[in-house]
Amino acid sequence: MTSKISLLLPVLSLALLWAALTRPEFTGLVTGASGNVRGMDVLLETAEGTILPEDSVIEVSIGGQSRSMPVKAFISESGGAFELAEGANPDAGYVGPGYTGNHAYLVPAPAFNFSGFPRGVHPALVRVHYNGTVMASMERQLLI
């Protein structure tokens, strides 16, 4: 029994050392065997004093597939509280009603109705745009 422990201890020590040095971590989302998006959320945050035009669109692109949702529908899907106010967004050349306030809205990626993906690493891009102007974007590599 002690010979098995003496052989197993160095192997476990090396495995723990390797894990500590390489710091393995997940890079985005987890999917099932069918390759459907699961476990990924899309986050939209608004800020006090900033107007997000009411007719803005959130676009999510994963592995060559792109889906979009109006911000109004996104906020509704999230179920979060919101503030709609008149204001301006100079970056988008917009004046009118828009979302403001310090709020965070989270919607699961399956709400965007993606179909299956092959296993592997895929680029994922989330953009918020209004009338051709990209107001925010974020890109990540996702492991599927």
Protein backbone atom coordinates (compact mmCIF):
# COMPACT_ATOMS: atom_id res chain seq x y z
CA MET A 1 0.00 0.00 0.00
CA THR A 2 2.80 2.43 0.86
CA SER A 3 4.49 1.77 -2.49
CA LYS A 4 1.28 2.83 -4.31
CA ILE A 5 1.09 6.02 -2.24
CA SER A 6 4.77 6.79 -2.81
CA LEU A 7 4.23 6.47 -6.60
CA LEU A 8 0.94 8.38 -6.61
CA LEU A 9 2.13 11.32 -4.49
CA PRO A 10 4.71 12.69 -7.00
CA VAL A 11 2.27 12.30 -9.89
CA LEU A 12 -0.45 14.21 -8.02
CA SER A 13 2.04 16.87 -6.95
CA LEU A 14 3.16 17.42 -10.54
CA ALA A 15 -0.46 17.60 -11.73
CA LEU A 16 -1.31 20.19 -9.07
CA LEU A 17 1.83 22.19 -9.87
CA TRP A 18 1.00 22.13 -13.60
CA ALA A 19 -2.58 23.30 -12.87
CA ALA A 20 -1.33 26.11 -10.64
CA LEU A 21 1.23 27.34 -13.19
CA THR A 22 -0.92 27.16 -16.32
CA ARG A 23 -4.09 28.43 -14.63
CA PRO A 24 -6.50 26.64 -16.97
CA GLU A 25 -9.84 28.39 -17.32
CA PHE A 26 -12.91 28.36 -19.51
CA THR A 27 -12.97 30.97 -22.23
CA GLY A 28 -16.66 31.67 -22.61
CA LEU A 29 -19.42 29.19 -23.03
CA VAL A 30 -20.18 25.54 -22.60
CA THR A 31 -22.34 23.59 -25.02
CA GLY A 32 -23.90 20.18 -25.15
CA ALA A 33 -23.04 17.44 -27.61
CA SER A 34 -25.39 18.92 -30.20
CA GLY A 35 -23.40 22.17 -30.32
CA ASN A 36 -26.27 24.41 -29.22
CA VAL A 37 -25.35 27.56 -27.33
CA ARG A 38 -25.86 27.09 -23.62
CA GLY A 39 -24.29 28.74 -20.61
CA MET A 40 -23.49 32.06 -22.31
CA ASP A 41 -25.21 35.27 -21.30
CA VAL A 42 -25.25 38.58 -23.12
CA LEU A 43 -24.90 41.59 -20.81
CA LEU A 44 -26.01 45.15 -21.57
CA GLU A 45 -25.33 47.95 -19.10
CA THR A 46 -26.71 51.47 -19.19
CA ALA A 47 -25.27 54.43 -17.32
CA GLU A 48 -26.67 57.51 -15.67
CA GLY A 49 -26.32 60.56 -17.91
CA THR A 50 -25.93 58.50 -21.09
CA ILE A 51 -28.76 57.86 -23.55
CA LEU A 52 -28.97 54.57 -25.41
CA PRO A 53 -31.35 55.28 -28.31
CA GLU A 54 -34.64 53.42 -27.95
CA ASP A 55 -34.30 51.93 -31.44
CA SER A 56 -30.78 50.53 -30.88
CA VAL A 57 -30.03 46.93 -31.77
CA ILE A 58 -27.91 44.28 -30.05
CA GLU A 59 -26.14 41.99 -32.50
CA VAL A 60 -24.49 38.75 -31.41
CA SER A 61 -22.21 36.91 -33.85
CA ILE A 62 -20.79 33.49 -33.02
CA GLY A 63 -18.79 31.38 -35.43
CA GLY A 64 -20.14 33.04 -38.57
CA GLN A 65 -23.77 33.11 -37.41
CA SER A 66 -25.24 36.49 -36.58
CA ARG A 67 -28.49 37.27 -34.76
CA SER A 68 -29.89 40.57 -33.58
CA MET A 69 -32.53 41.84 -31.19
CA PRO A 70 -33.89 45.36 -30.65
CA VAL A 71 -32.72 46.82 -27.35
CA LYS A 72 -36.35 47.26 -26.34
CA ALA A 73 -36.98 43.52 -26.75
CA PHE A 74 -33.65 42.68 -25.06
CA ILE A 75 -34.54 44.71 -21.96
CA SER A 76 -38.00 43.19 -21.90
CA GLU A 77 -36.52 39.67 -22.20
CA SER A 78 -34.18 40.38 -19.28
CA GLY A 79 -37.05 41.42 -17.03
CA GLY A 80 -34.98 44.23 -15.54
CA ALA A 81 -36.16 47.67 -14.47
CA PHE A 82 -35.40 50.48 -16.89
CA GLU A 83 -35.51 54.23 -17.26
CA LEU A 84 -36.69 55.77 -20.53
CA ALA A 85 -35.91 59.48 -20.87
CA GLU A 86 -35.52 62.19 -23.50
CA GLY A 87 -31.91 63.02 -24.25
CA ALA A 88 -29.08 63.03 -26.74
CA ASN A 89 -26.32 60.67 -27.74
CA PRO A 90 -23.81 62.78 -29.71
CA ASP A 91 -21.74 59.72 -30.76
CA ALA A 92 -24.76 58.32 -32.60
CA GLY A 93 -26.11 61.71 -33.71
CA TYR A 94 -29.30 60.94 -31.82
CA VAL A 95 -31.80 63.12 -29.98
CA GLY A 96 -34.97 61.56 -28.56
CA PRO A 97 -36.15 58.89 -26.14
CA GLY A 98 -33.59 56.43 -24.86
CA TYR A 99 -32.59 54.14 -22.04
CA THR A 100 -30.53 55.58 -19.22
CA GLY A 101 -29.70 54.98 -15.56
CA ASN A 102 -27.36 52.53 -13.89
CA HIS A 103 -28.89 49.23 -14.93
CA ALA A 104 -27.61 45.83 -16.06
CA TYR A 105 -29.61 43.52 -18.32
CA LEU A 106 -28.69 39.87 -18.79
CA VAL A 107 -30.20 37.65 -21.47
CA PRO A 108 -29.12 34.04 -22.18
CA ALA A 109 -27.67 33.55 -25.67
CA PRO A 110 -30.30 30.88 -26.56
CA ALA A 111 -32.85 33.76 -26.69
CA PHE A 112 -31.10 34.78 -29.93
CA ASN A 113 -32.08 31.43 -31.54
CA PHE A 114 -28.69 30.20 -32.69
CA SER A 115 -28.50 26.82 -34.38
CA GLY A 116 -25.82 24.16 -33.82
CA PHE A 117 -22.11 24.83 -33.95
CA PRO A 118 -19.28 22.43 -34.62
CA ARG A 119 -17.02 21.79 -31.65
CA GLY A 120 -13.99 24.03 -31.39
CA VAL A 121 -13.02 27.62 -30.68
CA HIS A 122 -15.23 30.24 -32.33
CA PRO A 123 -15.01 34.02 -32.35
CA ALA A 124 -17.94 35.71 -30.61
CA LEU A 125 -18.78 39.37 -31.06
CA VAL A 126 -21.46 41.42 -29.29
CA ARG A 127 -22.24 44.87 -30.68
CA VAL A 128 -24.74 47.56 -29.82
CA HIS A 129 -25.52 49.81 -32.76
CA TYR A 130 -27.91 52.50 -33.83
CA ASN A 131 -28.49 53.65 -37.42
CA GLY A 132 -25.14 52.30 -38.64
CA THR A 133 -23.10 53.59 -35.67
CA VAL A 134 -21.52 50.99 -33.38
CA MET A 135 -21.80 52.37 -29.86
CA ALA A 136 -20.21 49.44 -28.01
CA SER A 137 -18.63 46.11 -28.89
CA MET A 138 -16.85 43.21 -27.24
CA GLU A 139 -15.16 40.21 -28.81
CA ARG A 140 -14.11 36.92 -27.21
CA GLN A 141 -13.03 33.46 -28.26
CA LEU A 142 -15.49 30.82 -27.14
CA LEU A 143 -14.89 27.12 -26.62
CA ILE A 144 -17.76 25.02 -27.93
